Amino acid sequence: MKKDHVHQKEEEKLSWISLSLFGAGCTLGTGFFLGTSLAIHWSGLSVLVLLVLAAAGTYFVFGALAQMTAEDPKEGAFRTYAGEAFGPWAGFGSGWMYWSSEMLIMGSSLTALGLFSQFWFPKFPLWTFVAVYACIGLFIAALGAKGLTQTENVLALIKLAATVAFIAIAAAACLGWLDVKITPQKITNEWFPHQIKGVWTGFIYAFFAFAGIEVMGLMAAKLKEPKDAVKSGRVMLLTVSTLYVVAIALILLLVPAAKLTPDESPLVKAMSSIGFTVVVHILNGILIIAGFSTMVASIYAITSMLVKLGEDGDAPKMFTKTWGKKNMPLYALGCTAAGLILSTLLALWMPKSLFEYVTTAGSLVLMYTWLLICITYIKKMKPTNWNRIKVWTAMILILAAVAGTAMEKASRRGLLASIGLVALIALITYIVNKVRKPRPSPSTEPSKS
């Protein structure tokens, strides 16, 4: 027991700078490197405004989560706080809602990694790459918080350096310092290529570029000083959102928005347009690193969530069992692995259009988790004045982005699928809450410390 306690204390010693890097590693992923192509396609130059609004909304959401962590640092973060604020049913529902959303997204993430790898090795079957990335991801997640943080920090530095390098090359091309195939003067992008309806449709993809802050929130409880969570999030989001806006602005000077497709990274498209084929290969490697990094963080987050669900009686108790010096939760990892396999098989076997609805649904359910964080913050912390304005602003922005998915046929079906998934989880939560024995909410349970 003493060894376990010492090991836990060692893992909890996380500096705010390390958490900022970890957050950048979780956030700077395929949502930006690939997904922003859809935001640009729909909204043109207006995507710059959307990114600023999404960054503000994300900052307010994380600020709410960070304040709850600073006040009462606990494992399970938003799920634990929801249970304290509204009762055990909320902890059960929010935990399984988050796990389900990440599972739906995971299959597309692994498939995307395989497709990026086939860019170099087209003769290798897709499933081999998917299997390799899944196994490595599970192994890193099994190393625990310390091993994950070290891995994510290294990958975050690589992604940040690559983004800065892209900005430098693209800026040099725009200023005429490089011999390129195209000049900014020949590109005429519009502010509203699909009118206001298109801007509204593209808003959700700007938010998807910041997905991952909830994982950072889960790790915030391991800070040396939990009160540094707010500062850590501020530094990370300011850095990442600035890089986003500058990079996308340069892309729009080099590439017509209409030529961007969801199957190709806007950064890769920009480098291809100016004839920098070597950089294209480098960016393909960065795409793999970005996708893998966010996937590993998600695997750790949902596995930790399963353990916490097991500890609170919201999942089978076997998920709490660990093995070895690293205290690996074998059963929880096994459940995550099974989910990965199922999600990947759906990605490989389902018609592409149908699986896109599933992936969109998973991403939207993640946005609902953000809304729950805000609602929990209002209930638990009872904010006043400026803090209340910020959290309500975040909820309005998220709801506006979610509502925008109803403007376009494909995303509309994803919206309906997400509502169906939430309704199913709500039904299961209701049934479980009715049949199991009453137990006190986490706020009334005696402290285990």
Protein backbone atom coordinates (compact mmCIF):
# COMPACT_ATOMS: atom_id res chain seq x y z
CA MET A 1 0.00 0.00 0.00
CA LYS A 2 2.81 2.40 0.82
CA LYS A 3 4.47 1.79 -2.51
CA ASP A 4 1.20 2.50 -4.31
CA HIS A 5 0.78 5.69 -2.32
CA VAL A 6 4.30 6.87 -3.14
CA HIS A 7 3.78 6.01 -6.80
CA GLN A 8 0.54 7.99 -6.87
CA LYS A 9 2.21 11.00 -5.24
CA GLU A 10 5.01 10.85 -7.80
CA GLU A 11 2.50 10.93 -10.66
CA GLU A 12 0.62 13.86 -9.17
CA LYS A 13 3.67 16.14 -9.27
CA LEU A 14 2.91 17.98 -12.49
CA SER A 15 4.06 21.55 -13.15
CA TRP A 16 1.74 24.04 -14.83
CA ILE A 17 4.11 24.33 -17.80
CA SER A 18 4.04 20.57 -18.24
CA LEU A 19 0.24 20.65 -18.15
CA SER A 20 0.23 23.44 -20.76
CA LEU A 21 2.39 21.31 -23.06
CA PHE A 22 0.18 18.31 -22.38
CA GLY A 23 -2.87 20.40 -23.28
CA ALA A 24 -1.24 21.51 -26.51
CA GLY A 25 -0.51 17.87 -27.30
CA CYS A 26 -4.16 16.93 -26.72
CA THR A 27 -5.60 19.89 -28.63
CA LEU A 28 -3.24 20.40 -31.57
CA GLY A 29 -4.45 17.39 -33.55
CA THR A 30 -6.38 16.35 -36.63
CA GLY A 31 -9.18 18.75 -35.70
CA PHE A 32 -6.81 21.53 -36.77
CA PHE A 33 -4.43 19.85 -39.20
CA LEU A 34 -7.27 18.20 -41.15
CA GLY A 35 -10.71 19.23 -39.90
CA THR A 36 -10.32 22.98 -40.44
CA SER A 37 -10.54 22.36 -44.20
CA LEU A 38 -14.31 21.94 -43.74
CA ALA A 39 -14.54 25.14 -41.71
CA ILE A 40 -12.64 27.03 -44.43
CA HIS A 41 -14.71 25.45 -47.22
CA TRP A 42 -18.00 26.55 -45.69
CA SER A 43 -17.04 29.95 -44.26
CA GLY A 44 -14.12 31.25 -46.34
CA LEU A 45 -12.32 34.16 -44.70
CA SER A 46 -14.98 34.20 -41.97
CA VAL A 47 -13.26 31.13 -40.51
CA LEU A 48 -10.81 33.52 -38.83
CA VAL A 49 -13.67 35.08 -36.84
CA LEU A 50 -15.09 31.63 -36.08
CA LEU A 51 -11.74 30.43 -34.73
CA VAL A 52 -11.53 33.43 -32.39
CA LEU A 53 -15.08 32.82 -31.15
CA ALA A 54 -14.41 29.09 -30.70
CA ALA A 55 -11.17 29.87 -28.84
CA ALA A 56 -13.06 32.23 -26.51
CA GLY A 57 -15.76 29.63 -25.88
CA THR A 58 -13.16 26.92 -25.26
CA TYR A 59 -11.25 29.17 -22.87
CA PHE A 60 -14.40 29.88 -20.86
CA VAL A 61 -15.26 26.16 -20.68
CA PHE A 62 -11.79 25.21 -19.51
CA GLY A 63 -11.77 28.15 -17.12
CA ALA A 64 -14.90 26.77 -15.48
CA LEU A 65 -13.38 23.29 -15.21
CA ALA A 66 -10.07 24.70 -13.94
CA GLN A 67 -11.80 26.74 -11.23
CA MET A 68 -13.63 23.65 -9.98
CA THR A 69 -10.32 21.77 -9.99
CA ALA A 70 -8.54 24.57 -8.12
CA GLU A 71 -11.29 24.63 -5.51
CA ASP A 72 -11.63 20.85 -5.17
CA PRO A 73 -9.07 18.75 -7.12
CA LYS A 74 -10.46 15.26 -7.72
CA GLU A 75 -9.93 12.31 -10.01
CA GLY A 76 -12.63 12.07 -12.64
CA ALA A 77 -12.84 15.86 -13.00
CA PHE A 78 -16.03 16.92 -14.80
CA ARG A 79 -17.76 13.58 -14.23
CA THR A 80 -17.08 13.68 -10.48
CA TYR A 81 -18.20 17.31 -10.25
CA ALA A 82 -21.42 16.54 -12.15
CA GLY A 83 -22.17 13.78 -9.65
CA GLU A 84 -21.56 16.14 -6.74
CA ALA A 85 -23.74 18.86 -8.25
CA PHE A 86 -26.73 16.83 -9.41
CA GLY A 87 -26.42 13.39 -7.84
CA PRO A 88 -25.04 9.93 -8.78
CA TRP A 89 -27.20 9.70 -11.92
CA ALA A 90 -25.34 12.67 -13.41
CA GLY A 91 -21.97 11.08 -12.71
CA PHE A 92 -23.12 7.85 -14.35
CA GLY A 93 -24.61 9.54 -17.42
CA SER A 94 -21.79 12.02 -18.04
CA GLY A 95 -19.10 9.35 -17.66
CA TRP A 96 -20.66 6.97 -20.14
CA MET A 97 -21.58 9.81 -22.50
CA TYR A 98 -17.94 10.88 -22.64
CA TRP A 99 -16.70 7.30 -23.07
CA SER A 100 -19.18 6.69 -25.90
CA SER A 101 -18.30 9.90 -27.74
CA GLU A 102 -14.58 9.12 -27.68
CA MET A 103 -15.18 5.54 -28.82
CA LEU A 104 -17.15 6.78 -31.84
CA ILE A 105 -14.40 9.21 -32.76
CA MET A 106 -11.56 6.73 -32.20
CA GLY A 107 -12.31 4.55 -35.23
CA SER A 108 -12.08 7.46 -37.63
CA SER A 109 -8.87 8.66 -35.94
CA LEU A 110 -7.20 5.27 -36.38
CA THR A 111 -8.41 5.00 -39.97
CA ALA A 112 -7.06 8.49 -40.72
CA LEU A 113 -3.67 7.49 -39.29
CA GLY A 114 -3.66 4.44 -41.56
CA LEU A 115 -4.53 6.54 -44.62
CA PHE A 116 -1.75 9.03 -43.82
CA SER A 117 0.71 6.14 -43.52
CA GLN A 118 -0.43 4.69 -46.85
CA PHE A 119 0.72 7.96 -48.45
CA TRP A 120 4.25 6.54 -48.03
CA PHE A 121 3.48 2.83 -48.10
CA PRO A 122 0.49 2.37 -50.45
CA LYS A 123 0.97 -1.41 -50.78
CA PHE A 124 0.48 -2.09 -47.08
CA PRO A 125 -3.12 -2.95 -46.11
CA LEU A 126 -4.90 -0.32 -44.06
CA TRP A 127 -5.71 -2.65 -41.17
CA THR A 128 -2.02 -3.31 -40.42
CA PHE A 129 -1.35 0.38 -39.74
CA VAL A 130 -4.54 0.64 -37.68
CA ALA A 131 -3.53 -2.37 -35.57
CA VAL A 132 0.01 -1.07 -34.98
CA TYR A 133 -1.13 2.41 -33.93
CA ALA A 134 -3.82 0.98 -31.66
CA CYS A 135 -1.33 -1.35 -29.90
CA ILE A 136 1.26 1.41 -29.41
CA GLY A 137 -1.43 3.78 -28.15
CA LEU A 138 -2.69 1.25 -25.61
CA PHE A 139 0.87 0.56 -24.45
CA ILE A 140 1.61 4.26 -23.83
CA ALA A 141 -1.71 4.71 -22.03
CA ALA A 142 -0.82 1.71 -19.84
CA LEU A 143 2.35 3.51 -18.66
CA GLY A 144 0.17 5.79 -16.54
CA ALA A 145 -0.03 9.55 -16.17
CA LYS A 146 3.72 10.12 -15.90
CA GLY A 147 4.61 8.16 -19.03
CA LEU A 148 1.73 9.69 -20.95
CA THR A 149 2.67 13.23 -19.94
CA GLN A 150 6.29 12.75 -21.01
CA THR A 151 5.21 11.31 -24.37
CA GLU A 152 2.61 14.03 -24.99
CA ASN A 153 5.05 16.82 -24.09
CA VAL A 154 7.58 15.59 -26.66
CA LEU A 155 4.90 15.20 -29.34
CA ALA A 156 3.46 18.62 -28.46
CA LEU A 157 6.86 20.27 -29.00
CA ILE A 158 7.14 18.57 -32.40
CA LYS A 159 3.66 19.74 -33.43
CA LEU A 160 4.22 23.28 -32.19
CA ALA A 161 7.59 23.47 -33.98
CA ALA A 162 6.04 22.15 -37.21
CA THR A 163 3.21 24.71 -37.05
CA VAL A 164 5.66 27.56 -36.46
CA ALA A 165 7.83 26.28 -39.35
CA PHE A 166 4.77 26.17 -41.63
CA ILE A 167 3.90 29.75 -40.67
CA ALA A 168 7.46 30.89 -41.42
CA ILE A 169 7.53 29.22 -44.86
CA ALA A 170 4.02 30.37 -45.79
CA ALA A 171 4.76 33.94 -44.66
CA ALA A 172 7.98 33.99 -46.69
CA ALA A 173 6.02 32.79 -49.75
CA CYS A 174 3.36 35.48 -49.24
CA LEU A 175 6.02 38.19 -48.89
CA GLY A 176 7.69 37.13 -52.14
CA TRP A 177 10.88 35.93 -50.51
CA LEU A 178 10.58 32.47 -52.09
CA ASP A 179 10.32 31.30 -55.68
CA VAL A 180 6.82 29.79 -55.64
CA LYS A 181 4.25 28.66 -58.20
CA ILE A 182 1.52 30.97 -56.95
CA THR A 183 1.37 34.42 -55.36
CA PRO A 184 -1.20 35.78 -52.90
CA GLN A 185 -2.32 38.40 -55.43
CA LYS A 186 -3.89 35.66 -57.56
CA ILE A 187 -6.05 34.32 -54.72
CA THR A 188 -9.39 35.96 -54.03
CA ASN A 189 -11.19 34.27 -51.14
CA GLU A 190 -14.55 35.58 -50.02
CA TRP A 191 -15.84 36.29 -46.54
CA PHE A 192 -19.15 34.54 -47.19
CA PRO A 193 -18.73 31.97 -50.01
CA HIS A 194 -21.92 30.16 -48.92
CA GLN A 195 -23.57 33.20 -47.34
CA ILE A 196 -24.38 33.37 -43.62
CA LYS A 197 -25.77 29.84 -43.73
CA GLY A 198 -22.31 28.54 -44.70
CA VAL A 199 -20.64 30.44 -41.87
CA TRP A 200 -23.09 28.95 -39.39
CA THR A 201 -22.48 25.46 -40.83
CA GLY A 202 -18.71 25.85 -40.51
CA PHE A 203 -18.80 27.08 -36.90
CA ILE A 204 -18.84 23.59 -35.37
CA TYR A 205 -15.62 22.62 -37.18
CA ALA A 206 -13.86 25.59 -35.58
CA PHE A 207 -14.84 24.17 -32.18
CA PHE A 208 -13.67 20.68 -33.17
CA ALA A 209 -10.17 22.17 -33.64
CA PHE A 210 -10.01 22.70 -29.87
CA ALA A 211 -11.30 19.27 -28.82
CA GLY A 212 -9.08 17.76 -26.13
CA ILE A 213 -9.31 20.34 -23.36
CA GLU A 214 -11.44 17.94 -21.34
CA VAL A 215 -8.46 15.53 -21.22
CA MET A 216 -6.31 18.39 -19.98
CA GLY A 217 -8.97 18.96 -17.32
CA LEU A 218 -8.70 15.34 -16.20
CA MET A 219 -4.95 15.77 -15.73
CA ALA A 220 -5.28 19.10 -13.91
CA ALA A 221 -6.00 17.24 -10.65
CA LYS A 222 -2.37 15.99 -10.77
CA LEU A 223 -0.88 19.50 -10.63
CA LYS A 224 1.55 20.38 -7.84
CA GLU A 225 -0.60 23.46 -7.30
CA PRO A 226 -4.18 22.86 -8.52
CA LYS A 227 -4.77 26.62 -8.56
CA ASP A 228 -2.32 26.83 -11.49
CA ALA A 229 -4.83 25.03 -13.72
CA VAL A 230 -6.37 28.33 -14.86
CA LYS A 231 -2.96 29.80 -15.74
CA SER A 232 -1.92 26.63 -17.54
CA GLY A 233 -5.06 26.63 -19.69
CA ARG A 234 -4.72 30.34 -20.45
CA VAL A 235 -1.16 29.97 -21.72
CA MET A 236 -1.96 26.88 -23.78
CA LEU A 237 -5.11 28.22 -25.41
CA LEU A 238 -3.61 31.63 -26.16
CA THR A 239 -0.62 29.97 -27.84
CA VAL A 240 -2.64 27.41 -29.79
CA SER A 241 -5.39 29.80 -30.92
CA THR A 242 -2.81 32.36 -32.11
CA LEU A 243 -1.05 29.69 -34.16
CA TYR A 244 -4.41 28.57 -35.56
CA VAL A 245 -5.47 32.02 -36.71
CA VAL A 246 -2.09 32.97 -38.21
CA ALA A 247 -1.67 29.63 -40.02
CA ILE A 248 -5.22 29.67 -41.46
CA ALA A 249 -4.84 33.32 -42.55
CA LEU A 250 -1.69 32.39 -44.50
CA ILE A 251 -3.40 29.36 -46.03
CA LEU A 252 -6.21 31.58 -47.29
CA LEU A 253 -3.59 33.78 -48.99
CA LEU A 254 -2.20 30.77 -50.83
CA VAL A 255 -5.18 28.50 -51.55
CA PRO A 256 -8.72 29.17 -52.80
CA ALA A 257 -11.14 27.99 -50.10
CA ALA A 258 -13.22 26.16 -52.70
CA LYS A 259 -10.28 23.85 -53.50
CA LEU A 260 -9.96 22.55 -49.94
CA THR A 261 -11.50 19.13 -49.30
CA PRO A 262 -12.05 17.20 -46.04
CA ASP A 263 -9.69 14.46 -47.29
CA GLU A 264 -6.65 16.74 -47.47
CA SER A 265 -5.01 18.92 -44.85
CA PRO A 266 -5.18 22.66 -45.64
CA LEU A 267 -1.53 22.93 -44.58
CA VAL A 268 -0.52 20.21 -47.04
CA LYS A 269 -2.63 21.84 -49.75
CA ALA A 270 -0.91 25.18 -49.16
CA MET A 271 2.57 23.67 -49.43
CA SER A 272 1.57 21.72 -52.54
CA SER A 273 0.23 24.88 -54.18
CA ILE A 274 3.56 26.66 -53.87
CA GLY A 275 5.54 23.62 -55.04
CA PHE A 276 7.17 22.59 -51.74
CA THR A 277 6.80 18.82 -52.15
CA VAL A 278 9.47 18.03 -49.55
CA VAL A 279 7.52 19.96 -46.93
CA VAL A 280 4.41 18.00 -47.93
CA HIS A 281 6.13 14.78 -46.83
CA ILE A 282 7.19 16.39 -43.56
CA LEU A 283 3.65 17.63 -42.92
CA ASN A 284 2.31 14.14 -43.59
CA GLY A 285 4.54 12.91 -40.78
CA ILE A 286 3.23 15.71 -38.55
CA LEU A 287 -0.34 14.67 -39.38
CA ILE A 288 0.48 11.17 -38.15
CA ILE A 289 2.08 12.53 -34.98
CA ALA A 290 -0.86 14.88 -34.37
CA GLY A 291 -3.49 12.20 -34.84
CA PHE A 292 -1.58 9.66 -32.79
CA SER A 293 -0.96 12.13 -29.97
CA THR A 294 -4.62 13.08 -29.54
CA MET A 295 -5.66 9.43 -29.85
CA VAL A 296 -3.29 8.31 -27.07
CA ALA A 297 -4.52 11.11 -24.78
CA SER A 298 -8.11 10.05 -25.45
CA ILE A 299 -7.31 6.38 -24.75
CA TYR A 300 -5.80 7.32 -21.38
CA ALA A 301 -8.74 9.61 -20.57
CA ILE A 302 -11.48 7.08 -21.29
CA THR A 303 -9.57 4.27 -19.55
CA SER A 304 -9.17 6.46 -16.46
CA MET A 305 -12.86 7.28 -16.74
CA LEU A 306 -13.72 3.56 -16.73
CA VAL A 307 -11.62 3.06 -13.58
CA LYS A 308 -13.38 5.94 -11.85
CA LEU A 309 -16.78 4.64 -12.99
CA GLY A 310 -15.86 1.28 -11.48
CA GLU A 311 -14.76 2.87 -8.20
CA ASP A 312 -18.07 4.73 -7.89
CA GLY A 313 -20.20 1.70 -8.73
CA ASP A 314 -21.21 3.03 -12.15
CA ALA A 315 -19.33 0.25 -13.99
CA PRO A 316 -18.18 -3.30 -13.13
CA LYS A 317 -15.80 -3.33 -10.16
CA MET A 318 -13.28 -5.36 -12.16
CA PHE A 319 -12.34 -2.14 -13.99
CA THR A 320 -10.65 -0.97 -10.78
CA LYS A 321 -8.26 -3.93 -10.63
CA THR A 322 -4.63 -3.12 -11.46
CA TRP A 323 -1.51 -5.11 -12.21
CA GLY A 324 2.24 -4.58 -11.83
CA LYS A 325 4.35 -1.74 -10.49
CA LYS A 326 2.73 0.69 -12.93
CA ASN A 327 -0.72 -0.20 -11.57
CA MET A 328 -2.05 -0.89 -15.04
CA PRO A 329 -5.86 -1.21 -15.07
CA LEU A 330 -5.90 -4.33 -17.26
CA TYR A 331 -9.66 -4.83 -17.41
CA ALA A 332 -10.35 -1.17 -18.17
CA LEU A 333 -7.67 -1.23 -20.87
CA GLY A 334 -9.21 -4.41 -22.24
CA CYS A 335 -12.61 -2.74 -22.46
CA THR A 336 -11.04 0.24 -24.24
CA ALA A 337 -9.22 -2.13 -26.61
CA ALA A 338 -12.51 -3.89 -27.40
CA GLY A 339 -14.11 -0.54 -28.09
CA LEU A 340 -11.21 0.41 -30.37
CA ILE A 341 -11.61 -2.81 -32.33
CA LEU A 342 -15.36 -2.33 -32.74
CA SER A 343 -15.03 1.34 -33.68
CA THR A 344 -12.30 0.57 -36.22
CA LEU A 345 -14.29 -2.28 -37.79
CA LEU A 346 -17.21 0.11 -38.21
CA ALA A 347 -14.88 2.62 -39.86
CA LEU A 348 -13.53 -0.02 -42.26
CA TRP A 349 -16.80 -1.82 -43.06
CA MET A 350 -19.53 0.80 -42.93
CA PRO A 351 -20.23 2.97 -46.01
CA LYS A 352 -18.13 6.12 -45.79
CA SER A 353 -21.12 8.47 -45.74
CA LEU A 354 -22.80 6.50 -42.94
CA PHE A 355 -19.69 6.36 -40.78
CA GLU A 356 -19.22 10.12 -41.20
CA TYR A 357 -22.59 10.56 -39.49
CA VAL A 358 -21.39 8.35 -36.63
CA THR A 359 -18.14 10.33 -36.27
CA THR A 360 -19.99 13.65 -36.39
CA ALA A 361 -22.37 12.34 -33.73
CA GLY A 362 -19.44 11.40 -31.48
CA SER A 363 -17.87 14.84 -31.88
CA LEU A 364 -21.18 16.55 -31.11
CA VAL A 365 -21.66 14.44 -27.98
CA LEU A 366 -18.25 15.73 -26.88
CA MET A 367 -19.64 19.26 -27.26
CA TYR A 368 -22.56 18.23 -25.05
CA THR A 369 -19.98 17.20 -22.45
CA TRP A 370 -18.61 20.74 -22.59
CA LEU A 371 -22.12 22.07 -22.02
CA LEU A 372 -22.45 19.79 -19.01
CA ILE A 373 -19.18 21.18 -17.62
CA CYS A 374 -20.66 24.68 -17.82
CA ILE A 375 -23.97 23.66 -16.24
CA THR A 376 -22.13 21.82 -13.46
CA TYR A 377 -19.96 24.89 -12.83
CA ILE A 378 -23.03 27.10 -12.41
CA LYS A 379 -24.61 24.62 -9.99
CA LYS A 380 -21.48 23.78 -8.00
CA MET A 381 -19.62 27.11 -7.87
CA LYS A 382 -22.56 29.55 -8.09
CA PRO A 383 -20.49 32.14 -10.03
CA THR A 384 -21.37 35.81 -9.98
CA ASN A 385 -20.83 38.76 -12.31
CA TRP A 386 -18.04 38.24 -14.87
CA ASN A 387 -17.61 34.50 -14.32
CA ARG A 388 -21.32 33.91 -14.85
CA ILE A 389 -21.24 36.00 -18.05
CA LYS A 390 -18.29 33.97 -19.35
CA VAL A 391 -19.85 30.58 -18.75
CA TRP A 392 -23.17 31.64 -20.30
CA THR A 393 -21.29 33.05 -23.29
CA ALA A 394 -19.55 29.69 -23.72
CA MET A 395 -22.85 27.83 -23.65
CA ILE A 396 -24.45 30.19 -26.18
CA LEU A 397 -21.49 29.81 -28.56
CA ILE A 398 -21.52 26.00 -28.27
CA LEU A 399 -25.29 25.81 -28.78
CA ALA A 400 -25.00 28.11 -31.81
CA ALA A 401 -22.29 25.88 -33.30
CA VAL A 402 -24.30 22.71 -32.65
CA ALA A 403 -27.43 24.28 -34.16
CA GLY A 404 -25.42 25.16 -37.27
CA THR A 405 -25.07 21.46 -38.10
CA ALA A 406 -28.78 21.46 -38.97
CA MET A 407 -28.02 23.75 -41.91
CA GLU A 408 -26.36 21.03 -44.03
CA LYS A 409 -27.66 17.57 -44.94
CA ALA A 410 -24.67 15.41 -43.90
CA SER A 411 -24.02 17.16 -40.59
CA ARG A 412 -27.78 17.26 -39.89
CA ARG A 413 -27.86 13.47 -39.84
CA GLY A 414 -24.90 13.48 -37.48
CA LEU A 415 -26.84 15.87 -35.23
CA LEU A 416 -29.85 13.54 -35.18
CA ALA A 417 -27.57 10.57 -34.44
CA SER A 418 -25.98 12.45 -31.53
CA ILE A 419 -29.38 13.28 -30.08
CA GLY A 420 -30.34 9.61 -30.42
CA LEU A 421 -27.18 8.52 -28.62
CA VAL A 422 -27.75 10.95 -25.76
CA ALA A 423 -31.37 9.80 -25.49
CA LEU A 424 -30.21 6.17 -25.29
CA ILE A 425 -27.67 6.97 -22.57
CA ALA A 426 -30.32 8.99 -20.71
CA LEU A 427 -32.70 6.02 -20.86
CA ILE A 428 -30.02 3.64 -19.55
CA THR A 429 -29.13 6.14 -16.82
CA TYR A 430 -32.79 6.37 -15.78
CA ILE A 431 -33.19 2.59 -15.65
CA VAL A 432 -29.94 2.07 -13.70
CA ASN A 433 -30.86 4.85 -11.28
CA LYS A 434 -34.23 3.20 -10.65
CA VAL A 435 -33.09 -0.39 -10.13
CA ARG A 436 -29.91 0.03 -8.10
CA LYS A 437 -29.86 0.70 -4.39
CA PRO A 438 -29.86 4.37 -3.37
CA ARG A 439 -26.48 5.71 -2.41
CA PRO A 440 -25.30 9.14 -1.31
CA SER A 441 -24.01 11.60 -3.86
CA PRO A 442 -20.21 12.10 -3.94
CA SER A 443 -20.55 15.41 -2.12
CA THR A 444 -21.97 13.68 0.94
CA GLU A 445 -19.59 10.72 1.00
CA PRO A 446 -16.77 10.79 3.55
CA SER A 447 -13.39 11.84 2.23
CA LYS A 448 -11.02 8.99 1.40
CA SER A 449 -7.97 11.09 2.00
